[in-house]
């Protein structure tokens, strides 16, 4: 059994979910990819050592309905072997993602 590590805490910006919102034109996986790309710079680790990105998404609608964690991994130019999983538990999404990662 592997070990799960929390190396940092980053989050995407928040905004109103409507066409006049400031983030309306930003695709969800690009927002996550920005966070992933920043992590190795902030914490000094090799993304190639990562096996899986576990992402909590409060309300996955429209473009968020896919597995944006995997798309974000690719957008952040992390290695191809890094997988991604996304889950939704509303306000408990991040806590559930931590628990799922720890079960590996």
PDB file of N, CA and C in Angstrom:
ATOM      1  N   UNK A   1       0.840  -1.185   0.000  1.00  0.00           N
ATOM      2  CA  UNK A   1       0.000   0.000   0.000  1.00  0.00           C
ATOM      3  C   UNK A   1       0.879   1.241   0.000  1.00  0.00           C
ATOM      4  N   UNK A   2       0.536   2.216  -0.832  1.00  0.00           N
ATOM      5  CA  UNK A   2       1.300   3.455  -0.930  1.00  0.00           C
ATOM      6  C   UNK A   2       0.952   4.427   0.179  1.00  0.00           C
ATOM      7  N   UNK A   3       1.572   5.570   0.120  1.00  0.00           N
ATOM      8  CA  UNK A   3       1.331   6.618   1.096  1.00  0.00           C
ATOM      9  C   UNK A   3       0.861   7.860   0.352  1.00  0.00           C
ATOM     10  N   UNK A   4      -0.158   8.519   0.856  1.00  0.00           N
ATOM     11  CA  UNK A   4      -0.655   9.760   0.264  1.00  0.00           C
ATOM     12  C   UNK A   4       0.006  10.939   0.968  1.00  0.00           C
ATOM     13  N   UNK A   5       0.382  11.944   0.194  1.00  0.00           N
ATOM     14  CA  UNK A   5       1.009  13.137   0.745  1.00  0.00           C
ATOM     15  C   UNK A   5       0.212  14.364   0.342  1.00  0.00           C
ATOM     16  N   UNK A   6       0.022  15.255   1.273  1.00  0.00           N
ATOM     17  CA  UNK A   6      -0.505  16.580   0.966  1.00  0.00           C
ATOM     18  C   UNK A   6       0.707  17.498   0.998  1.00  0.00           C
ATOM     19  N   UNK A   7       1.086  18.029  -0.158  1.00  0.00           N
ATOM     20  CA  UNK A   7       2.313  18.809  -0.237  1.00  0.00           C
ATOM     21  C   UNK A   7       2.074  20.314  -0.131  1.00  0.00           C
ATOM     22  N   UNK A   8       0.862  20.741  -0.369  1.00  0.00           N
ATOM     23  CA  UNK A   8       0.531  22.159  -0.303  1.00  0.00           C
ATOM     24  C   UNK A   8      -0.973  22.292  -0.451  1.00  0.00           C
ATOM     25  N   UNK A   9      -1.468  23.457  -0.202  1.00  0.00           N
ATOM     26  CA  UNK A   9      -2.894  23.725  -0.388  1.00  0.00           C
ATOM     27  C   UNK A   9      -3.037  24.939  -1.300  1.00  0.00           C
ATOM     28  N   UNK A  10      -3.580  24.707  -2.471  1.00  0.00           N
ATOM     29  CA  UNK A  10      -3.850  25.793  -3.414  1.00  0.00           C
ATOM     30  C   UNK A  10      -5.272  25.615  -3.921  1.00  0.00           C
ATOM     31  N   UNK A  11      -5.853  26.682  -4.367  1.00  0.00           N
ATOM     32  CA  UNK A  11      -7.204  26.578  -4.918  1.00  0.00           C
ATOM     33  C   UNK A  11      -7.340  27.522  -6.093  1.00  0.00           C
ATOM     34  N   UNK A  12      -8.302  27.223  -6.912  1.00  0.00           N
ATOM     35  CA  UNK A  12      -8.566  28.085  -8.052  1.00  0.00           C
ATOM     36  C   UNK A  12      -9.313  29.321  -7.561  1.00  0.00           C
ATOM     37  N   UNK A  13      -9.282  30.407  -8.332  1.00  0.00           N
ATOM     38  CA  UNK A  13     -10.075  31.570  -7.953  1.00  0.00           C
ATOM     39  C   UNK A  13     -11.559  31.254  -8.016  1.00  0.00           C
ATOM     40  N   UNK A  14     -12.336  32.020  -7.290  1.00  0.00           N
ATOM     41  CA  UNK A  14     -13.790  31.833  -7.310  1.00  0.00           C
ATOM     42  C   UNK A  14     -14.426  32.992  -8.041  1.00  0.00           C
ATOM     43  N   UNK A  15     -15.583  32.732  -8.590  1.00  0.00           N
ATOM     44  CA  UNK A  15     -16.303  33.789  -9.286  1.00  0.00           C
ATOM     45  C   UNK A  15     -17.754  33.396  -9.459  1.00  0.00           C
ATOM     46  N   UNK A  16     -18.543  34.319  -9.914  1.00  0.00           N
ATOM     47  CA  UNK A  16     -19.956  34.044 -10.158  1.00  0.00           C
ATOM     48  C   UNK A  16     -20.101  33.132 -11.365  1.00  0.00           C
ATOM     49  N   UNK A  17     -20.950  32.137 -11.242  1.00  0.00           N
ATOM     50  CA  UNK A  17     -21.149  31.167 -12.319  1.00  0.00           C
ATOM     51  C   UNK A  17     -22.169  31.624 -13.331  1.00  0.00           C
ATOM     52  N   UNK A  18     -21.946  32.757 -13.912  1.00  0.00           N
ATOM     53  CA  UNK A  18     -22.856  33.237 -14.949  1.00  0.00           C
ATOM     54  C   UNK A  18     -22.062  33.905 -16.059  1.00  0.00           C
ATOM     55  N   UNK A  19     -22.720  34.185 -17.152  1.00  0.00           N
ATOM     56  CA  UNK A  19     -22.028  34.711 -18.323  1.00  0.00           C
ATOM     57  C   UNK A  19     -21.348  36.051 -18.085  1.00  0.00           C
ATOM     58  N   UNK A  20     -21.753  36.795 -17.081  1.00  0.00           N
ATOM     59  CA  UNK A  20     -21.120  38.076 -16.795  1.00  0.00           C
ATOM     60  C   UNK A  20     -20.012  37.932 -15.748  1.00  0.00           C
ATOM     61  N   UNK A  21     -19.781  36.727 -15.261  1.00  0.00           N
ATOM     62  CA  UNK A  21     -18.754  36.506 -14.246  1.00  0.00           C
ATOM     63  C   UNK A  21     -17.352  36.666 -14.814  1.00  0.00           C
ATOM     64  N   UNK A  22     -16.420  37.053 -13.966  1.00  0.00           N
ATOM     65  CA  UNK A  22     -15.050  37.304 -14.389  1.00  0.00           C
ATOM     66  C   UNK A  22     -14.326  36.079 -14.906  1.00  0.00           C
ATOM     67  N   UNK A  23     -14.741  34.896 -14.497  1.00  0.00           N
ATOM     68  CA  UNK A  23     -14.072  33.671 -14.929  1.00  0.00           C
ATOM     69  C   UNK A  23     -14.861  32.912 -15.999  1.00  0.00           C
ATOM     70  N   UNK A  24     -15.874  33.552 -16.548  1.00  0.00           N
ATOM     71  CA  UNK A  24     -16.746  32.869 -17.500  1.00  0.00           C
ATOM     72  C   UNK A  24     -15.978  32.239 -18.657  1.00  0.00           C
ATOM     73  N   UNK A  25     -14.968  32.913 -19.151  1.00  0.00           N
ATOM     74  CA  UNK A  25     -14.223  32.405 -20.291  1.00  0.00           C
ATOM     75  C   UNK A  25     -13.124  31.416 -19.944  1.00  0.00           C
ATOM     76  N   UNK A  26     -12.893  31.206 -18.669  1.00  0.00           N
ATOM     77  CA  UNK A  26     -11.817  30.301 -18.238  1.00  0.00           C
ATOM     78  C   UNK A  26     -12.345  28.868 -18.132  1.00  0.00           C
ATOM     79  N   UNK A  27     -11.706  27.941 -18.835  1.00  0.00           N
ATOM     80  CA  UNK A  27     -12.118  26.541 -18.764  1.00  0.00           C
ATOM     81  C   UNK A  27     -11.662  25.962 -17.428  1.00  0.00           C
ATOM     82  N   UNK A  28     -12.495  25.170 -16.765  1.00  0.00           N
ATOM     83  CA  UNK A  28     -12.148  24.628 -15.442  1.00  0.00           C
ATOM     84  C   UNK A  28     -10.819  23.878 -15.389  1.00  0.00           C
ATOM     85  N   UNK A  29     -10.507  23.093 -16.426  1.00  0.00           N
ATOM     86  CA  UNK A  29      -9.244  22.349 -16.344  1.00  0.00           C
ATOM     87  C   UNK A  29      -8.036  23.276 -16.432  1.00  0.00           C
ATOM     88  N   UNK A  30      -8.187  24.428 -17.072  1.00  0.00           N
ATOM     89  CA  UNK A  30      -7.076  25.390 -17.124  1.00  0.00           C
ATOM     90  C   UNK A  30      -6.843  26.021 -15.758  1.00  0.00           C
ATOM     91  N   UNK A  31      -7.917  26.270 -15.028  1.00  0.00           N
ATOM     92  CA  UNK A  31      -7.759  26.810 -13.682  1.00  0.00           C
ATOM     93  C   UNK A  31      -7.012  25.820 -12.791  1.00  0.00           C
ATOM     94  N   UNK A  32      -7.383  24.548 -12.863  1.00  0.00           N
ATOM     95  CA  UNK A  32      -6.711  23.517 -12.068  1.00  0.00           C
ATOM     96  C   UNK A  32      -5.270  23.343 -12.535  1.00  0.00           C
ATOM     97  N   UNK A  33      -5.048  23.381 -13.844  1.00  0.00           N
ATOM     98  CA  UNK A  33      -3.693  23.229 -14.384  1.00  0.00           C
ATOM     99  C   UNK A  33      -2.763  24.322 -13.874  1.00  0.00           C
ATOM    100  N   UNK A  34      -3.290  25.524 -13.687  1.00  0.00           N
ATOM    101  CA  UNK A  34      -2.491  26.615 -13.141  1.00  0.00           C
ATOM    102  C   UNK A  34      -1.996  26.258 -11.742  1.00  0.00           C
ATOM    103  N   UNK A  35      -2.883  25.674 -10.940  1.00  0.00           N
ATOM    104  CA  UNK A  35      -2.493  25.239  -9.591  1.00  0.00           C
ATOM    105  C   UNK A  35      -1.461  24.123  -9.657  1.00  0.00           C
ATOM    106  N   UNK A  36      -1.685  23.131 -10.516  1.00  0.00           N
ATOM    107  CA  UNK A  36      -0.744  22.010 -10.631  1.00  0.00           C
ATOM    108  C   UNK A  36       0.627  22.476 -11.105  1.00  0.00           C
ATOM    109  N   UNK A  37       0.657  23.382 -12.058  1.00  0.00           N
ATOM    110  CA  UNK A  37       1.930  23.879 -12.572  1.00  0.00           C
ATOM    111  C   UNK A  37       2.707  24.635 -11.497  1.00  0.00           C
ATOM    112  N   UNK A  38       1.994  25.302 -10.595  1.00  0.00           N
ATOM    113  CA  UNK A  38       2.653  26.072  -9.537  1.00  0.00           C
ATOM    114  C   UNK A  38       3.203  25.190  -8.404  1.00  0.00           C
ATOM    115  N   UNK A  39       2.604  24.026  -8.194  1.00  0.00           N
ATOM    116  CA  UNK A  39       3.009  23.185  -7.060  1.00  0.00           C
ATOM    117  C   UNK A  39       4.486  22.801  -7.050  1.00  0.00           C
ATOM    118  N   UNK A  40       5.054  22.275  -8.142  1.00  0.00           N
ATOM    119  CA  UNK A  40       6.477  21.907  -8.089  1.00  0.00           C
ATOM    120  C   UNK A  40       7.395  23.097  -7.815  1.00  0.00           C
ATOM    121  N   UNK A  41       6.980  24.279  -8.226  1.00  0.00           N
ATOM    122  CA  UNK A  41       7.770  25.480  -7.960  1.00  0.00           C
ATOM    123  C   UNK A  41       7.674  25.882  -6.495  1.00  0.00           C
ATOM    124  N   UNK A  42       6.509  25.697  -5.904  1.00  0.00           N
ATOM    125  CA  UNK A  42       6.293  26.093  -4.508  1.00  0.00           C
ATOM    126  C   UNK A  42       6.877  25.099  -3.514  1.00  0.00           C
ATOM    127  N   UNK A  43       6.841  23.812  -3.871  1.00  0.00           N
ATOM    128  CA  UNK A  43       7.194  22.763  -2.907  1.00  0.00           C
ATOM    129  C   UNK A  43       8.471  22.011  -3.285  1.00  0.00           C
ATOM    130  N   UNK A  44       8.946  22.144  -4.516  1.00  0.00           N
ATOM    131  CA  UNK A  44      10.149  21.474  -4.997  1.00  0.00           C
ATOM    132  C   UNK A  44      10.018  19.951  -4.965  1.00  0.00           C
ATOM    133  N   UNK A  45       9.205  19.433  -5.858  1.00  0.00           N
ATOM    134  CA  UNK A  45       9.096  17.995  -6.056  1.00  0.00           C
ATOM    135  C   UNK A  45       8.994  17.719  -7.549  1.00  0.00           C
ATOM    136  N   UNK A  46       9.196  16.472  -7.919  1.00  0.00           N
ATOM    137  CA  UNK A  46       9.130  16.060  -9.319  1.00  0.00           C
ATOM    138  C   UNK A  46       7.731  15.533  -9.626  1.00  0.00           C
ATOM    139  N   UNK A  47       6.980  16.165 -10.528  1.00  0.00           N
ATOM    140  CA  UNK A  47       5.648  15.659 -10.870  1.00  0.00           C
ATOM    141  C   UNK A  47       5.665  14.218 -11.365  1.00  0.00           C
ATOM    142  N   UNK A  48       6.804  13.742 -11.837  1.00  0.00           N
ATOM    143  CA  UNK A  48       6.926  12.358 -12.268  1.00  0.00           C
ATOM    144  C   UNK A  48       6.796  11.366 -11.126  1.00  0.00           C
ATOM    145  N   UNK A  49       6.973  11.840  -9.897  1.00  0.00           N
ATOM    146  CA  UNK A  49       6.820  10.976  -8.720  1.00  0.00           C
ATOM    147  C   UNK A  49       5.362  10.810  -8.308  1.00  0.00           C
ATOM    148  N   UNK A  50       4.469  11.589  -8.907  1.00  0.00           N
ATOM    149  CA  UNK A  50       3.048  11.549  -8.571  1.00  0.00           C
ATOM    150  C   UNK A  50       2.374  10.410  -9.327  1.00  0.00           C
ATOM    151  N   UNK A  51       1.581   9.624  -8.634  1.00  0.00           N
ATOM    152  CA  UNK A  51       0.848   8.534  -9.275  1.00  0.00           C
ATOM    153  C   UNK A  51      -0.543   8.968  -9.714  1.00  0.00           C
ATOM    154  N   UNK A  52      -1.197   9.792  -8.895  1.00  0.00           N
ATOM    155  CA  UNK A  52      -2.594  10.129  -9.159  1.00  0.00           C
ATOM    156  C   UNK A  52      -2.909  11.503  -8.580  1.00  0.00           C
ATOM    157  N   UNK A  53      -3.686  12.286  -9.303  1.00  0.00           N
ATOM    158  CA  UNK A  53      -4.182  13.566  -8.808  1.00  0.00           C
ATOM    159  C   UNK A  53      -5.645  13.357  -8.445  1.00  0.00           C
ATOM    160  N   UNK A  54      -5.977  13.546  -7.178  1.00  0.00           N
ATOM    161  CA  UNK A  54      -7.345  13.366  -6.690  1.00  0.00           C
ATOM    162  C   UNK A  54      -7.917  14.758  -6.460  1.00  0.00           C
ATOM    163  N   UNK A  55      -9.004  15.059  -7.166  1.00  0.00           N
ATOM    164  CA  UNK A  55      -9.556  16.412  -7.167  1.00  0.00           C
ATOM    165  C   UNK A  55     -10.995  16.400  -6.684  1.00  0.00           C
ATOM    166  N   UNK A  56     -11.312  17.294  -5.769  1.00  0.00           N
ATOM    167  CA  UNK A  56     -12.695  17.487  -5.344  1.00  0.00           C
ATOM    168  C   UNK A  56     -13.287  18.664  -6.094  1.00  0.00           C
ATOM    169  N   UNK A  57     -14.476  18.491  -6.638  1.00  0.00           N
ATOM    170  CA  UNK A  57     -15.169  19.552  -7.370  1.00  0.00           C
ATOM    171  C   UNK A  57     -16.583  19.654  -6.800  1.00  0.00           C
ATOM    172  N   UNK A  58     -16.920  20.808  -6.255  1.00  0.00           N
ATOM    173  CA  UNK A  58     -18.177  20.965  -5.531  1.00  0.00           C
ATOM    174  C   UNK A  58     -19.394  20.658  -6.388  1.00  0.00           C
ATOM    175  N   UNK A  59     -19.513  21.306  -7.528  1.00  0.00           N
ATOM    176  CA  UNK A  59     -20.669  21.087  -8.393  1.00  0.00           C
ATOM    177  C   UNK A  59     -20.179  20.939  -9.833  1.00  0.00           C
ATOM    178  N   UNK A  60     -19.899  19.716 -10.279  1.00  0.00           N
ATOM    179  CA  UNK A  60     -19.393  19.523 -11.640  1.00  0.00           C
ATOM    180  C   UNK A  60     -20.504  19.647 -12.685  1.00  0.00           C
ATOM    181  N   UNK A  61     -20.580  20.800 -13.315  1.00  0.00           N
ATOM    182  CA  UNK A  61     -21.580  21.035 -14.358  1.00  0.00           C
ATOM    183  C   UNK A  61     -20.877  21.403 -15.654  1.00  0.00           C
ATOM    184  N   UNK A  62     -21.538  21.191 -16.751  1.00  0.00           N
ATOM    185  CA  UNK A  62     -21.023  21.517 -18.086  1.00  0.00           C
ATOM    186  C   UNK A  62     -19.601  20.985 -18.266  1.00  0.00           C
ATOM    187  N   UNK A  63     -18.639  21.881 -18.516  1.00  0.00           N
ATOM    188  CA  UNK A  63     -17.264  21.452 -18.763  1.00  0.00           C
ATOM    189  C   UNK A  63     -16.633  20.768 -17.552  1.00  0.00           C
ATOM    190  N   UNK A  64     -17.140  21.053 -16.360  1.00  0.00           N
ATOM    191  CA  UNK A  64     -16.602  20.428 -15.157  1.00  0.00           C
ATOM    192  C   UNK A  64     -17.089  18.998 -14.994  1.00  0.00           C
ATOM    193  N   UNK A  65     -18.031  18.580 -15.823  1.00  0.00           N
ATOM    194  CA  UNK A  65     -18.603  17.249 -15.692  1.00  0.00           C
ATOM    195  C   UNK A  65     -17.669  16.133 -16.128  1.00  0.00           C
ATOM    196  N   UNK A  66     -16.607  16.463 -16.879  1.00  0.00           N
ATOM    197  CA  UNK A  66     -15.619  15.453 -17.258  1.00  0.00           C
ATOM    198  C   UNK A  66     -14.610  15.278 -16.139  1.00  0.00           C
ATOM    199  N   UNK A  67     -13.626  14.460 -16.374  1.00  0.00           N
ATOM    200  CA  UNK A  67     -12.583  14.264 -15.363  1.00  0.00           C
ATOM    201  C   UNK A  67     -11.543  15.364 -15.567  1.00  0.00           C
ATOM    202  N   UNK A  68     -11.831  16.535 -15.025  1.00  0.00           N
ATOM    203  CA  UNK A  68     -10.958  17.680 -15.270  1.00  0.00           C
ATOM    204  C   UNK A  68      -9.590  17.512 -14.632  1.00  0.00           C
ATOM    205  N   UNK A  69      -9.464  16.645 -13.643  1.00  0.00           N
ATOM    206  CA  UNK A  69      -8.146  16.433 -13.040  1.00  0.00           C
ATOM    207  C   UNK A  69      -7.172  15.852 -14.059  1.00  0.00           C
ATOM    208  N   UNK A  70      -7.609  14.911 -14.868  1.00  0.00           N
ATOM    209  CA  UNK A  70      -6.738  14.321 -15.891  1.00  0.00           C
ATOM    210  C   UNK A  70      -6.403  15.338 -16.972  1.00  0.00           C
ATOM    211  N   UNK A  71      -7.387  16.105 -17.410  1.00  0.00           N
ATOM    212  CA  UNK A  71      -7.128  17.144 -18.408  1.00  0.00           C
ATOM    213  C   UNK A  71      -6.170  18.197 -17.857  1.00  0.00           C
ATOM    214  N   UNK A  72      -6.319  18.519 -16.581  1.00  0.00           N
ATOM    215  CA  UNK A  72      -5.444  19.505 -15.942  1.00  0.00           C
ATOM    216  C   UNK A  72      -4.012  18.988 -15.858  1.00  0.00           C
ATOM    217  N   UNK A  73      -3.845  17.698 -15.566  1.00  0.00           N
ATOM    218  CA  UNK A  73      -2.509  17.089 -15.526  1.00  0.00           C
ATOM    219  C   UNK A  73      -1.820  17.276 -16.874  1.00  0.00           C
ATOM    220  N   UNK A  74      -2.541  17.013 -17.940  1.00  0.00           N
ATOM    221  CA  UNK A  74      -1.971  17.154 -19.277  1.00  0.00           C
ATOM    222  C   UNK A  74      -1.691  18.617 -19.617  1.00  0.00           C
ATOM    223  N   UNK A  75      -2.615  19.498 -19.255  1.00  0.00           N
ATOM    224  CA  UNK A  75      -2.443  20.934 -19.514  1.00  0.00           C
ATOM    225  C   UNK A  75      -1.249  21.501 -18.752  1.00  0.00           C
ATOM    226  N   UNK A  76      -0.994  20.984 -17.556  1.00  0.00           N
ATOM    227  CA  UNK A  76       0.124  21.451 -16.742  1.00  0.00           C
ATOM    228  C   UNK A  76       1.448  20.847 -17.195  1.00  0.00           C
ATOM    229  N   UNK A  77       1.410  20.035 -18.238  1.00  0.00           N
ATOM    230  CA  UNK A  77       2.557  19.326 -18.809  1.00  0.00           C
ATOM    231  C   UNK A  77       3.244  18.396 -17.811  1.00  0.00           C
ATOM    232  N   UNK A  78       2.443  17.799 -16.939  1.00  0.00           N
ATOM    233  CA  UNK A  78       2.976  16.750 -16.068  1.00  0.00           C
ATOM    234  C   UNK A  78       3.126  15.488 -16.909  1.00  0.00           C
ATOM    235  N   UNK A  79       3.894  14.496 -16.456  1.00  0.00           N
ATOM    236  CA  UNK A  79       4.106  13.282 -17.246  1.00  0.00           C
ATOM    237  C   UNK A  79       2.803  12.548 -17.573  1.00  0.00           C
ATOM    238  N   UNK A  80       2.805  11.858 -18.705  1.00  0.00           N
ATOM    239  CA  UNK A  80       1.630  11.136 -19.191  1.00  0.00           C
ATOM    240  C   UNK A  80       1.130  10.065 -18.228  1.00  0.00           C
ATOM    241  N   UNK A  81       2.032   9.472 -17.431  1.00  0.00           N
ATOM    242  CA  UNK A  81       1.615   8.373 -16.557  1.00  0.00           C
ATOM    243  C   UNK A  81       0.825   8.839 -15.325  1.00  0.00           C
ATOM    244  N   UNK A  82       0.806  10.143 -15.058  1.00  0.00           N
ATOM    245  CA  UNK A  82       0.065  10.657 -13.897  1.00  0.00           C
ATOM    246  C   UNK A  82      -1.427  10.639 -14.229  1.00  0.00           C
ATOM    247  N   UNK A  83      -2.189   9.906 -13.444  1.00  0.00           N
ATOM    248  CA  UNK A  83      -3.628   9.808 -13.684  1.00  0.00           C
ATOM    249  C   UNK A  83      -4.380  10.850 -12.865  1.00  0.00           C
ATOM    250  N   UNK A  84      -5.676  10.928 -13.078  1.00  0.00           N
ATOM    251  CA  UNK A  84      -6.489  11.881 -12.339  1.00  0.00           C
ATOM    252  C   UNK A  84      -7.879  11.333 -12.095  1.00  0.00           C
ATOM    253  N   UNK A  85      -8.425  11.674 -10.950  1.00  0.00           N
ATOM    254  CA  UNK A  85      -9.784  11.292 -10.602  1.00  0.00           C
ATOM    255  C   UNK A  85     -10.456  12.507  -9.962  1.00  0.00           C
ATOM    256  N   UNK A  86     -11.741  12.654 -10.221  1.00  0.00           N
ATOM    257  CA  UNK A  86     -12.492  13.771  -9.663  1.00  0.00           C
ATOM    258  C   UNK A  86     -13.732  13.230  -8.967  1.00  0.00           C
ATOM    259  N   UNK A  87     -14.077  13.833  -7.841  1.00  0.00           N
ATOM    260  CA  UNK A  87     -15.291  13.423  -7.152  1.00  0.00           C
ATOM    261  C   UNK A  87     -16.037  14.642  -6.646  1.00  0.00           C
ATOM    262  N   UNK A  88     -17.314  14.455  -6.406  1.00  0.00           N
ATOM    263  CA  UNK A  88     -18.158  15.554  -5.947  1.00  0.00           C
ATOM    264  C   UNK A  88     -18.928  15.131  -4.712  1.00  0.00           C
ATOM    265  N   UNK A  89     -18.717  15.841  -3.642  1.00  0.00           N
ATOM    266  CA  UNK A  89     -19.472  15.666  -2.397  1.00  0.00           C
ATOM    267  C   UNK A  89     -19.915  17.037  -1.889  1.00  0.00           C
ATOM    268  N   UNK A  90     -20.213  17.908  -2.829  1.00  0.00           N
ATOM    269  CA  UNK A  90     -20.596  19.286  -2.510  1.00  0.00           C
ATOM    270  C   UNK A  90     -19.560  19.915  -1.594  1.00  0.00           C
ATOM    271  N   UNK A  91     -19.936  20.465  -0.459  1.00  0.00           N
ATOM    272  CA  UNK A  91     -18.976  21.182   0.385  1.00  0.00           C
ATOM    273  C   UNK A  91     -17.925  20.266   1.005  1.00  0.00           C
ATOM    274  N   UNK A  92     -18.126  18.968   0.956  1.00  0.00           N
ATOM    275  CA  UNK A  92     -17.153  18.033   1.508  1.00  0.00           C
ATOM    276  C   UNK A  92     -16.236  17.432   0.460  1.00  0.00           C
ATOM    277  N   UNK A  93     -16.198  18.013  -0.739  1.00  0.00           N
ATOM    278  CA  UNK A  93     -15.418  17.437  -1.840  1.00  0.00           C
ATOM    279  C   UNK A  93     -13.931  17.330  -1.514  1.00  0.00           C
ATOM    280  N   UNK A  94     -13.340  18.379  -0.979  1.00  0.00           N
ATOM    281  CA  UNK A  94     -11.908  18.349  -0.677  1.00  0.00           C
ATOM    282  C   UNK A  94     -11.607  17.326   0.413  1.00  0.00           C
ATOM    283  N   UNK A  95     -12.440  17.275   1.436  1.00  0.00           N
ATOM    284  CA  UNK A  95     -12.226  16.290   2.511  1.00  0.00           C
ATOM    285  C   UNK A  95     -12.356  14.875   1.978  1.00  0.00           C
ATOM    286  N   UNK A  96     -13.315  14.638   1.109  1.00  0.00           N
ATOM    287  CA  UNK A  96     -13.487  13.298   0.540  1.00  0.00           C
ATOM    288  C   UNK A  96     -12.316  12.954  -0.375  1.00  0.00           C
ATOM    289  N   UNK A  97     -11.798  13.928  -1.100  1.00  0.00           N
ATOM    290  CA  UNK A  97     -10.645  13.692  -1.962  1.00  0.00           C
ATOM    291  C   UNK A  97      -9.433  13.281  -1.125  1.00  0.00           C
ATOM    292  N   UNK A  98      -9.221  13.942   0.009  1.00  0.00           N
ATOM    293  CA  UNK A  98      -8.128  13.559   0.916  1.00  0.00           C
ATOM    294  C   UNK A  98      -8.288  12.131   1.398  1.00  0.00           C
ATOM    295  N   UNK A  99      -9.500  11.789   1.794  1.00  0.00           N
ATOM    296  CA  UNK A  99      -9.761  10.427   2.301  1.00  0.00           C
ATOM    297  C   UNK A  99      -9.550   9.378   1.212  1.00  0.00           C
ATOM    298  N   UNK A 100     -10.001   9.673  -0.005  1.00  0.00           N
ATOM    299  CA  UNK A 100      -9.827   8.738  -1.100  1.00  0.00           C
ATOM    300  C   UNK A 100      -8.335   8.542  -1.411  1.00  0.00           C
ATOM    301  N   UNK A 101      -7.581   9.621  -1.426  1.00  0.00           N
ATOM    302  CA  UNK A 101      -6.141   9.527  -1.699  1.00  0.00           C
ATOM    303  C   UNK A 101      -5.441   8.711  -0.619  1.00  0.00           C
ATOM    304  N   UNK A 102      -5.846   8.844   0.614  1.00  0.00           N
ATOM    305  CA  UNK A 102      -5.220   8.120   1.724  1.00  0.00           C
ATOM    306  C   UNK A 102      -5.517   6.631   1.675  1.00  0.00           C
ATOM    307  N   UNK A 103      -6.554   6.222   0.933  1.00  0.00           N
ATOM    308  CA  UNK A 103      -6.918   4.804   0.862  1.00  0.00           C
ATOM    309  C   UNK A 103      -6.072   4.046  -0.149  1.00  0.00           C
ATOM    310  N   UNK A 104      -5.244   4.717  -0.899  1.00  0.00           N
ATOM    311  CA  UNK A 104      -4.455   4.085  -1.970  1.00  0.00           C
ATOM    312  C   UNK A 104      -3.627   2.950  -1.419  1.00  0.00           C
TER     313      UNK A 104
END
